[in-house]
């Protein structure tokens, strides 16, 4: 069913947002809503002087972006890793062909 969308409402930091998304992505959006609200609530509870809802959202956005970057970097394989994998593969093939 190409092109099918689902209208959902997400409440983030007290404000409701209506979005059109593919139905198969609803669970991810709902989980993201919970994660963001949980982090915002933690900062609100800390009552940082001079900080408001927009500041908390900015901090949460930064925190999640850094987490995403770290995850992406940890999944990257360097050239030396690929070379070592190729060497191990060759050694395994040689051993199995004996």
PDB file of N, CA and C in Angstrom:
ATOM      1  N   UNK A   1       0.816  -1.182   0.000  1.00  0.00           N
ATOM      2  CA  UNK A   1       0.000   0.000   0.000  1.00  0.00           C
ATOM      3  C   UNK A   1       0.860   1.246   0.000  1.00  0.00           C
ATOM      4  N   UNK A   2       1.448   1.518  -1.140  1.00  0.00           N
ATOM      5  CA  UNK A   2       2.304   2.692  -1.264  1.00  0.00           C
ATOM      6  C   UNK A   2       1.510   3.974  -1.059  1.00  0.00           C
ATOM      7  N   UNK A   3       2.143   4.922  -0.384  1.00  0.00           N
ATOM      8  CA  UNK A   3       1.531   6.224  -0.210  1.00  0.00           C
ATOM      9  C   UNK A   3       0.553   6.317   0.950  1.00  0.00           C
ATOM     10  N   UNK A   4       0.269   5.206   1.613  1.00  0.00           N
ATOM     11  CA  UNK A   4      -0.672   5.242   2.732  1.00  0.00           C
ATOM     12  C   UNK A   4      -0.008   5.908   3.925  1.00  0.00           C
ATOM     13  N   UNK A   5      -0.734   6.840   4.549  1.00  0.00           N
ATOM     14  CA  UNK A   5      -0.208   7.503   5.738  1.00  0.00           C
ATOM     15  C   UNK A   5      -1.220   7.422   6.871  1.00  0.00           C
ATOM     16  N   UNK A   6      -0.703   7.621   8.047  1.00  0.00           N
ATOM     17  CA  UNK A   6      -1.496   7.584   9.264  1.00  0.00           C
ATOM     18  C   UNK A   6      -1.331   8.929   9.959  1.00  0.00           C
ATOM     19  N   UNK A   7      -2.414   9.500  10.413  1.00  0.00           N
ATOM     20  CA  UNK A   7      -2.327  10.754  11.154  1.00  0.00           C
ATOM     21  C   UNK A   7      -2.207  10.417  12.633  1.00  0.00           C
ATOM     22  N   UNK A   8      -1.141  10.896  13.251  1.00  0.00           N
ATOM     23  CA  UNK A   8      -0.951  10.676  14.683  1.00  0.00           C
ATOM     24  C   UNK A   8      -0.745  12.021  15.364  1.00  0.00           C
ATOM     25  N   UNK A   9      -1.000  12.035  16.647  1.00  0.00           N
ATOM     26  CA  UNK A   9      -0.761  13.222  17.465  1.00  0.00           C
ATOM     27  C   UNK A   9       0.258  12.846  18.537  1.00  0.00           C
ATOM     28  N   UNK A  10       1.316  13.616  18.586  1.00  0.00           N
ATOM     29  CA  UNK A  10       2.358  13.403  19.580  1.00  0.00           C
ATOM     30  C   UNK A  10       2.387  14.615  20.498  1.00  0.00           C
ATOM     31  N   UNK A  11       2.476  14.368  21.788  1.00  0.00           N
ATOM     32  CA  UNK A  11       2.581  15.449  22.759  1.00  0.00           C
ATOM     33  C   UNK A  11       4.011  15.463  23.278  1.00  0.00           C
ATOM     34  N   UNK A  12       4.717  16.528  22.913  1.00  0.00           N
ATOM     35  CA  UNK A  12       6.121  16.651  23.288  1.00  0.00           C
ATOM     36  C   UNK A  12       6.295  17.924  24.103  1.00  0.00           C
ATOM     37  N   UNK A  13       6.793  17.757  25.316  1.00  0.00           N
ATOM     38  CA  UNK A  13       7.016  18.881  26.233  1.00  0.00           C
ATOM     39  C   UNK A  13       5.755  19.724  26.387  1.00  0.00           C
ATOM     40  N   UNK A  14       4.607  19.052  26.449  1.00  0.00           N
ATOM     41  CA  UNK A  14       3.351  19.733  26.708  1.00  0.00           C
ATOM     42  C   UNK A  14       2.636  20.280  25.486  1.00  0.00           C
ATOM     43  N   UNK A  15       3.234  20.186  24.320  1.00  0.00           N
ATOM     44  CA  UNK A  15       2.610  20.705  23.107  1.00  0.00           C
ATOM     45  C   UNK A  15       2.281  19.539  22.166  1.00  0.00           C
ATOM     46  N   UNK A  16       1.090  19.592  21.574  1.00  0.00           N
ATOM     47  CA  UNK A  16       0.642  18.526  20.686  1.00  0.00           C
ATOM     48  C   UNK A  16       1.009  18.849  19.240  1.00  0.00           C
ATOM     49  N   UNK A  17       1.556  17.844  18.568  1.00  0.00           N
ATOM     50  CA  UNK A  17       1.936  17.955  17.163  1.00  0.00           C
ATOM     51  C   UNK A  17       1.210  16.872  16.381  1.00  0.00           C
ATOM     52  N   UNK A  18       0.582  17.260  15.274  1.00  0.00           N
ATOM     53  CA  UNK A  18      -0.091  16.310  14.399  1.00  0.00           C
ATOM     54  C   UNK A  18       0.834  16.025  13.227  1.00  0.00           C
ATOM     55  N   UNK A  19       0.985  14.744  12.920  1.00  0.00           N
ATOM     56  CA  UNK A  19       1.896  14.352  11.850  1.00  0.00           C
ATOM     57  C   UNK A  19       1.266  13.287  10.970  1.00  0.00           C
ATOM     58  N   UNK A  20       1.663  13.273   9.722  1.00  0.00           N
ATOM     59  CA  UNK A  20       1.286  12.218   8.782  1.00  0.00           C
ATOM     60  C   UNK A  20       2.522  11.343   8.596  1.00  0.00           C
ATOM     61  N   UNK A  21       2.405  10.061   8.932  1.00  0.00           N
ATOM     62  CA  UNK A  21       3.545   9.150   8.829  1.00  0.00           C
ATOM     63  C   UNK A  21       3.094   7.837   8.210  1.00  0.00           C
ATOM     64  N   UNK A  22       4.042   7.056   7.679  1.00  0.00           N
ATOM     65  CA  UNK A  22       3.698   5.707   7.237  1.00  0.00           C
ATOM     66  C   UNK A  22       3.300   4.871   8.465  1.00  0.00           C
ATOM     67  N   UNK A  23       2.255   4.063   8.352  1.00  0.00           N
ATOM     68  CA  UNK A  23       1.785   3.291   9.510  1.00  0.00           C
ATOM     69  C   UNK A  23       2.862   2.437  10.175  1.00  0.00           C
ATOM     70  N   UNK A  24       3.791   1.913   9.385  1.00  0.00           N
ATOM     71  CA  UNK A  24       4.822   1.034   9.954  1.00  0.00           C
ATOM     72  C   UNK A  24       5.835   1.787  10.817  1.00  0.00           C
ATOM     73  N   UNK A  25       5.800   3.108  10.798  1.00  0.00           N
ATOM     74  CA  UNK A  25       6.729   3.904  11.607  1.00  0.00           C
ATOM     75  C   UNK A  25       6.095   4.432  12.890  1.00  0.00           C
ATOM     76  N   UNK A  26       4.835   4.117  13.120  1.00  0.00           N
ATOM     77  CA  UNK A  26       4.139   4.664  14.294  1.00  0.00           C
ATOM     78  C   UNK A  26       4.827   4.287  15.594  1.00  0.00           C
ATOM     79  N   UNK A  27       5.201   3.037  15.739  1.00  0.00           N
ATOM     80  CA  UNK A  27       5.819   2.595  16.991  1.00  0.00           C
ATOM     81  C   UNK A  27       7.097   3.384  17.285  1.00  0.00           C
ATOM     82  N   UNK A  28       7.911   3.624  16.265  1.00  0.00           N
ATOM     83  CA  UNK A  28       9.153   4.380  16.461  1.00  0.00           C
ATOM     84  C   UNK A  28       8.856   5.806  16.899  1.00  0.00           C
ATOM     85  N   UNK A  29       7.846   6.416  16.307  1.00  0.00           N
ATOM     86  CA  UNK A  29       7.475   7.788  16.687  1.00  0.00           C
ATOM     87  C   UNK A  29       6.954   7.832  18.127  1.00  0.00           C
ATOM     88  N   UNK A  30       6.149   6.852  18.503  1.00  0.00           N
ATOM     89  CA  UNK A  30       5.619   6.823  19.875  1.00  0.00           C
ATOM     90  C   UNK A  30       6.750   6.611  20.889  1.00  0.00           C
ATOM     91  N   UNK A  31       7.691   5.739  20.562  1.00  0.00           N
ATOM     92  CA  UNK A  31       8.829   5.512  21.452  1.00  0.00           C
ATOM     93  C   UNK A  31       9.683   6.778  21.572  1.00  0.00           C
ATOM     94  N   UNK A  32       9.899   7.456  20.447  1.00  0.00           N
ATOM     95  CA  UNK A  32      10.671   8.705  20.464  1.00  0.00           C
ATOM     96  C   UNK A  32       9.980   9.752  21.333  1.00  0.00           C
ATOM     97  N   UNK A  33       8.653   9.827  21.224  1.00  0.00           N
ATOM     98  CA  UNK A  33       7.881  10.762  22.050  1.00  0.00           C
ATOM     99  C   UNK A  33       8.133  10.496  23.532  1.00  0.00           C
ATOM    100  N   UNK A  34       8.094   9.235  23.929  1.00  0.00           N
ATOM    101  CA  UNK A  34       8.319   8.880  25.335  1.00  0.00           C
ATOM    102  C   UNK A  34       9.735   9.207  25.793  1.00  0.00           C
ATOM    103  N   UNK A  35      10.715   8.903  24.939  1.00  0.00           N
ATOM    104  CA  UNK A  35      12.117   9.172  25.298  1.00  0.00           C
ATOM    105  C   UNK A  35      12.330  10.669  25.492  1.00  0.00           C
ATOM    106  N   UNK A  36      11.850  11.473  24.549  1.00  0.00           N
ATOM    107  CA  UNK A  36      12.016  12.927  24.647  1.00  0.00           C
ATOM    108  C   UNK A  36      11.344  13.458  25.904  1.00  0.00           C
ATOM    109  N   UNK A  37      10.099  13.053  26.148  1.00  0.00           N
ATOM    110  CA  UNK A  37       9.378  13.545  27.321  1.00  0.00           C
ATOM    111  C   UNK A  37      10.038  13.111  28.627  1.00  0.00           C
ATOM    112  N   UNK A  38      10.592  11.911  28.648  1.00  0.00           N
ATOM    113  CA  UNK A  38      11.288  11.439  29.860  1.00  0.00           C
ATOM    114  C   UNK A  38      12.511  12.312  30.136  1.00  0.00           C
ATOM    115  N   UNK A  39      13.288  12.616  29.089  1.00  0.00           N
ATOM    116  CA  UNK A  39      14.474  13.461  29.270  1.00  0.00           C
ATOM    117  C   UNK A  39      14.089  14.887  29.672  1.00  0.00           C
ATOM    118  N   UNK A  40      13.077  15.428  29.026  1.00  0.00           N
ATOM    119  CA  UNK A  40      12.620  16.785  29.376  1.00  0.00           C
ATOM    120  C   UNK A  40      12.180  16.822  30.833  1.00  0.00           C
ATOM    121  N   UNK A  41      11.446  15.802  31.272  1.00  0.00           N
ATOM    122  CA  UNK A  41      10.973  15.742  32.662  1.00  0.00           C
ATOM    123  C   UNK A  41      12.143  15.713  33.639  1.00  0.00           C
ATOM    124  N   UNK A  42      13.211  15.005  33.276  1.00  0.00           N
ATOM    125  CA  UNK A  42      14.396  14.963  34.151  1.00  0.00           C
ATOM    126  C   UNK A  42      15.001  16.354  34.325  1.00  0.00           C
ATOM    127  N   UNK A  43      15.092  17.103  33.230  1.00  0.00           N
ATOM    128  CA  UNK A  43      15.647  18.453  33.312  1.00  0.00           C
ATOM    129  C   UNK A  43      14.707  19.402  34.038  1.00  0.00           C
ATOM    130  N   UNK A  44      13.407  19.250  33.811  1.00  0.00           N
ATOM    131  CA  UNK A  44      12.438  20.092  34.524  1.00  0.00           C
ATOM    132  C   UNK A  44      12.521  19.841  36.028  1.00  0.00           C
ATOM    133  N   UNK A  45      12.709  18.597  36.391  1.00  0.00           N
ATOM    134  CA  UNK A  45      12.813  18.233  37.806  1.00  0.00           C
ATOM    135  C   UNK A  45      14.060  18.870  38.443  1.00  0.00           C
ATOM    136  N   UNK A  46      15.116  19.003  37.664  1.00  0.00           N
ATOM    137  CA  UNK A  46      16.358  19.598  38.166  1.00  0.00           C
ATOM    138  C   UNK A  46      16.219  21.101  38.370  1.00  0.00           C
ATOM    139  N   UNK A  47      15.221  21.711  37.735  1.00  0.00           N
ATOM    140  CA  UNK A  47      14.937  23.152  37.853  1.00  0.00           C
ATOM    141  C   UNK A  47      16.184  24.009  37.687  1.00  0.00           C
ATOM    142  N   UNK A  48      16.769  23.916  36.520  1.00  0.00           N
ATOM    143  CA  UNK A  48      17.963  24.692  36.223  1.00  0.00           C
ATOM    144  C   UNK A  48      17.610  26.176  36.143  1.00  0.00           C
ATOM    145  N   UNK A  49      18.366  27.001  36.833  1.00  0.00           N
ATOM    146  CA  UNK A  49      18.089  28.445  36.861  1.00  0.00           C
ATOM    147  C   UNK A  49      18.141  29.054  35.465  1.00  0.00           C
ATOM    148  N   UNK A  50      17.098  29.799  35.119  1.00  0.00           N
ATOM    149  CA  UNK A  50      17.056  30.500  33.855  1.00  0.00           C
ATOM    150  C   UNK A  50      16.698  29.644  32.655  1.00  0.00           C
ATOM    151  N   UNK A  51      16.399  28.383  32.885  1.00  0.00           N
ATOM    152  CA  UNK A  51      16.067  27.480  31.791  1.00  0.00           C
ATOM    153  C   UNK A  51      14.568  27.251  31.731  1.00  0.00           C
ATOM    154  N   UNK A  52      14.030  27.157  30.513  1.00  0.00           N
ATOM    155  CA  UNK A  52      12.617  26.889  30.300  1.00  0.00           C
ATOM    156  C   UNK A  52      12.434  25.718  29.351  1.00  0.00           C
ATOM    157  N   UNK A  53      11.198  25.466  28.943  1.00  0.00           N
ATOM    158  CA  UNK A  53      10.898  24.314  28.083  1.00  0.00           C
ATOM    159  C   UNK A  53      11.723  24.267  26.793  1.00  0.00           C
ATOM    160  N   UNK A  54      11.939  25.394  26.152  1.00  0.00           N
ATOM    161  CA  UNK A  54      12.729  25.417  24.912  1.00  0.00           C
ATOM    162  C   UNK A  54      14.172  25.017  25.197  1.00  0.00           C
ATOM    163  N   UNK A  55      14.710  25.486  26.323  1.00  0.00           N
ATOM    164  CA  UNK A  55      16.081  25.136  26.692  1.00  0.00           C
ATOM    165  C   UNK A  55      16.205  23.644  26.964  1.00  0.00           C
ATOM    166  N   UNK A  56      15.218  23.086  27.658  1.00  0.00           N
ATOM    167  CA  UNK A  56      15.240  21.654  27.947  1.00  0.00           C
ATOM    168  C   UNK A  56      15.181  20.838  26.655  1.00  0.00           C
ATOM    169  N   UNK A  57      14.344  21.284  25.715  1.00  0.00           N
ATOM    170  CA  UNK A  57      14.263  20.589  24.427  1.00  0.00           C
ATOM    171  C   UNK A  57      15.587  20.674  23.673  1.00  0.00           C
ATOM    172  N   UNK A  58      16.239  21.819  23.744  1.00  0.00           N
ATOM    173  CA  UNK A  58      17.536  21.981  23.079  1.00  0.00           C
ATOM    174  C   UNK A  58      18.570  21.038  23.685  1.00  0.00           C
ATOM    175  N   UNK A  59      18.583  20.940  25.012  1.00  0.00           N
ATOM    176  CA  UNK A  59      19.527  20.051  25.689  1.00  0.00           C
ATOM    177  C   UNK A  59      19.241  18.599  25.309  1.00  0.00           C
ATOM    178  N   UNK A  60      17.967  18.227  25.284  1.00  0.00           N
ATOM    179  CA  UNK A  60      17.592  16.861  24.914  1.00  0.00           C
ATOM    180  C   UNK A  60      17.987  16.574  23.462  1.00  0.00           C
ATOM    181  N   UNK A  61      17.751  17.534  22.554  1.00  0.00           N
ATOM    182  CA  UNK A  61      18.132  17.361  21.151  1.00  0.00           C
ATOM    183  C   UNK A  61      19.635  17.137  21.032  1.00  0.00           C
ATOM    184  N   UNK A  62      20.415  17.922  21.752  1.00  0.00           N
ATOM    185  CA  UNK A  62      21.867  17.759  21.734  1.00  0.00           C
ATOM    186  C   UNK A  62      22.271  16.392  22.269  1.00  0.00           C
ATOM    187  N   UNK A  63      21.670  16.009  23.396  1.00  0.00           N
ATOM    188  CA  UNK A  63      21.976  14.725  24.018  1.00  0.00           C
ATOM    189  C   UNK A  63      21.677  13.567  23.062  1.00  0.00           C
ATOM    190  N   UNK A  64      20.524  13.605  22.408  1.00  0.00           N
ATOM    191  CA  UNK A  64      20.152  12.534  21.485  1.00  0.00           C
ATOM    192  C   UNK A  64      21.012  12.548  20.225  1.00  0.00           C
ATOM    193  N   UNK A  65      21.390  13.736  19.749  1.00  0.00           N
ATOM    194  CA  UNK A  65      22.256  13.826  18.574  1.00  0.00           C
ATOM    195  C   UNK A  65      23.639  13.243  18.868  1.00  0.00           C
ATOM    196  N   UNK A  66      24.188  13.570  20.026  1.00  0.00           N
ATOM    197  CA  UNK A  66      25.489  13.024  20.413  1.00  0.00           C
ATOM    198  C   UNK A  66      25.402  11.501  20.525  1.00  0.00           C
ATOM    199  N   UNK A  67      24.338  11.010  21.115  1.00  0.00           N
ATOM    200  CA  UNK A  67      24.141   9.563  21.227  1.00  0.00           C
ATOM    201  C   UNK A  67      24.076   8.910  19.855  1.00  0.00           C
ATOM    202  N   UNK A  68      23.366   9.542  18.932  1.00  0.00           N
ATOM    203  CA  UNK A  68      23.249   9.022  17.565  1.00  0.00           C
ATOM    204  C   UNK A  68      24.605   9.015  16.864  1.00  0.00           C
ATOM    205  N   UNK A  69      25.370  10.084  17.025  1.00  0.00           N
ATOM    206  CA  UNK A  69      26.692  10.169  16.399  1.00  0.00           C
ATOM    207  C   UNK A  69      27.613   9.093  16.961  1.00  0.00           C
ATOM    208  N   UNK A  70      27.599   8.912  18.268  1.00  0.00           N
ATOM    209  CA  UNK A  70      28.442   7.872  18.884  1.00  0.00           C
ATOM    210  C   UNK A  70      28.074   6.490  18.363  1.00  0.00           C
ATOM    211  N   UNK A  71      26.784   6.223  18.235  1.00  0.00           N
ATOM    212  CA  UNK A  71      26.339   4.931  17.741  1.00  0.00           C
ATOM    213  C   UNK A  71      26.792   4.730  16.297  1.00  0.00           C
ATOM    214  N   UNK A  72      26.664   5.762  15.487  1.00  0.00           N
ATOM    215  CA  UNK A  72      27.085   5.686  14.087  1.00  0.00           C
ATOM    216  C   UNK A  72      28.585   5.445  13.994  1.00  0.00           C
ATOM    217  N   UNK A  73      29.355   6.160  14.786  1.00  0.00           N
ATOM    218  CA  UNK A  73      30.806   6.000  14.767  1.00  0.00           C
ATOM    219  C   UNK A  73      31.223   4.614  15.234  1.00  0.00           C
ATOM    220  N   UNK A  74      30.529   4.065  16.215  1.00  0.00           N
ATOM    221  CA  UNK A  74      30.897   2.744  16.730  1.00  0.00           C
ATOM    222  C   UNK A  74      30.597   1.643  15.716  1.00  0.00           C
ATOM    223  N   UNK A  75      29.707   1.918  14.767  1.00  0.00           N
ATOM    224  CA  UNK A  75      29.364   0.926  13.744  1.00  0.00           C
ATOM    225  C   UNK A  75      30.246   1.014  12.510  1.00  0.00           C
ATOM    226  N   UNK A  76      31.027   2.077  12.399  1.00  0.00           N
ATOM    227  CA  UNK A  76      31.884   2.239  11.234  1.00  0.00           C
ATOM    228  C   UNK A  76      33.089   1.320  11.350  1.00  0.00           C
ATOM    229  N   UNK A  77      33.427   0.726  10.232  1.00  0.00           N
ATOM    230  CA  UNK A  77      34.564  -0.174  10.185  1.00  0.00           C
ATOM    231  C   UNK A  77      35.672   0.523   9.419  1.00  0.00           C
ATOM    232  N   UNK A  78      36.844   0.581  10.026  1.00  0.00           N
ATOM    233  CA  UNK A  78      37.977   1.243   9.389  1.00  0.00           C
ATOM    234  C   UNK A  78      38.666   0.353   8.378  1.00  0.00           C
ATOM    235  N   UNK A  79      39.553   0.948   7.567  1.00  0.00           N
ATOM    236  CA  UNK A  79      40.294   0.208   6.550  1.00  0.00           C
ATOM    237  C   UNK A  79      41.132  -0.911   7.156  1.00  0.00           C
ATOM    238  N   UNK A  80      41.759  -0.638   8.298  1.00  0.00           N
ATOM    239  CA  UNK A  80      42.588  -1.665   8.925  1.00  0.00           C
ATOM    240  C   UNK A  80      41.731  -2.839   9.393  1.00  0.00           C
ATOM    241  N   UNK A  81      40.508  -2.545   9.845  1.00  0.00           N
ATOM    242  CA  UNK A  81      39.594  -3.619  10.246  1.00  0.00           C
ATOM    243  C   UNK A  81      39.221  -4.476   9.045  1.00  0.00           C
ATOM    244  N   UNK A  82      38.920  -3.826   7.919  1.00  0.00           N
ATOM    245  CA  UNK A  82      38.566  -4.566   6.704  1.00  0.00           C
ATOM    246  C   UNK A  82      39.739  -5.405   6.210  1.00  0.00           C
ATOM    247  N   UNK A  83      40.949  -4.857   6.291  1.00  0.00           N
ATOM    248  CA  UNK A  83      42.144  -5.595   5.880  1.00  0.00           C
ATOM    249  C   UNK A  83      42.332  -6.824   6.762  1.00  0.00           C
ATOM    250  N   UNK A  84      42.142  -6.669   8.046  1.00  0.00           N
ATOM    251  CA  UNK A  84      42.297  -7.798   8.991  1.00  0.00           C
ATOM    252  C   UNK A  84      41.230  -8.862   8.726  1.00  0.00           C
ATOM    253  N   UNK A  85      40.005  -8.453   8.434  1.00  0.00           N
ATOM    254  CA  UNK A  85      38.929  -9.401   8.122  1.00  0.00           C
ATOM    255  C   UNK A  85      39.273 -10.170   6.852  1.00  0.00           C
ATOM    256  N   UNK A  86      39.793  -9.487   5.848  1.00  0.00           N
ATOM    257  CA  UNK A  86      40.183 -10.148   4.598  1.00  0.00           C
ATOM    258  C   UNK A  86      41.289 -11.165   4.856  1.00  0.00           C
ATOM    259  N   UNK A  87      42.263 -10.797   5.686  1.00  0.00           N
ATOM    260  CA  UNK A  87      43.349 -11.716   6.026  1.00  0.00           C
ATOM    261  C   UNK A  87      42.816 -12.954   6.746  1.00  0.00           C
ATOM    262  N   UNK A  88      41.921 -12.746   7.704  1.00  0.00           N
ATOM    263  CA  UNK A  88      41.335 -13.876   8.427  1.00  0.00           C
ATOM    264  C   UNK A  88      40.508 -14.752   7.503  1.00  0.00           C
ATOM    265  N   UNK A  89      39.781 -14.141   6.578  1.00  0.00           N
ATOM    266  CA  UNK A  89      38.987 -14.896   5.614  1.00  0.00           C
ATOM    267  C   UNK A  89      39.886 -15.750   4.734  1.00  0.00           C
ATOM    268  N   UNK A  90      40.983 -15.182   4.264  1.00  0.00           N
ATOM    269  CA  UNK A  90      41.933 -15.933   3.438  1.00  0.00           C
ATOM    270  C   UNK A  90      42.532 -17.092   4.220  1.00  0.00           C
ATOM    271  N   UNK A  91      42.905 -16.833   5.468  1.00  0.00           N
ATOM    272  CA  UNK A  91      43.481 -17.889   6.301  1.00  0.00           C
ATOM    273  C   UNK A  91      42.466 -19.001   6.546  1.00  0.00           C
ATOM    274  N   UNK A  92      41.215 -18.644   6.755  1.00  0.00           N
ATOM    275  CA  UNK A  92      40.168 -19.635   6.978  1.00  0.00           C
ATOM    276  C   UNK A  92      39.944 -20.465   5.719  1.00  0.00           C
ATOM    277  N   UNK A  93      39.894 -19.814   4.565  1.00  0.00           N
ATOM    278  CA  UNK A  93      39.721 -20.534   3.295  1.00  0.00           C
ATOM    279  C   UNK A  93      40.865 -21.510   3.061  1.00  0.00           C
ATOM    280  N   UNK A  94      42.080 -21.038   3.339  1.00  0.00           N
ATOM    281  CA  UNK A  94      43.274 -21.888   3.159  1.00  0.00           C
ATOM    282  C   UNK A  94      43.190 -23.105   4.074  1.00  0.00           C
ATOM    283  N   UNK A  95      42.791 -22.893   5.295  1.00  0.00           N
ATOM    284  CA  UNK A  95      42.675 -23.994   6.260  1.00  0.00           C
ATOM    285  C   UNK A  95      41.600 -24.985   5.837  1.00  0.00           C
ATOM    286  N   UNK A  96      40.466 -24.501   5.386  1.00  0.00           N
ATOM    287  CA  UNK A  96      39.362 -25.380   4.980  1.00  0.00           C
ATOM    288  C   UNK A  96      39.662 -26.138   3.695  1.00  0.00           C
ATOM    289  N   UNK A  97      40.541 -25.611   2.849  1.00  0.00           N
ATOM    290  CA  UNK A  97      40.875 -26.269   1.578  1.00  0.00           C
ATOM    291  C   UNK A  97      41.992 -27.290   1.706  1.00  0.00           C
ATOM    292  N   UNK A  98      42.495 -27.524   2.873  1.00  0.00           N
ATOM    293  CA  UNK A  98      43.567 -28.521   3.062  1.00  0.00           C
ATOM    294  C   UNK A  98      43.051 -29.908   2.915  1.00  0.00           C
TER     295      UNK A  98
END
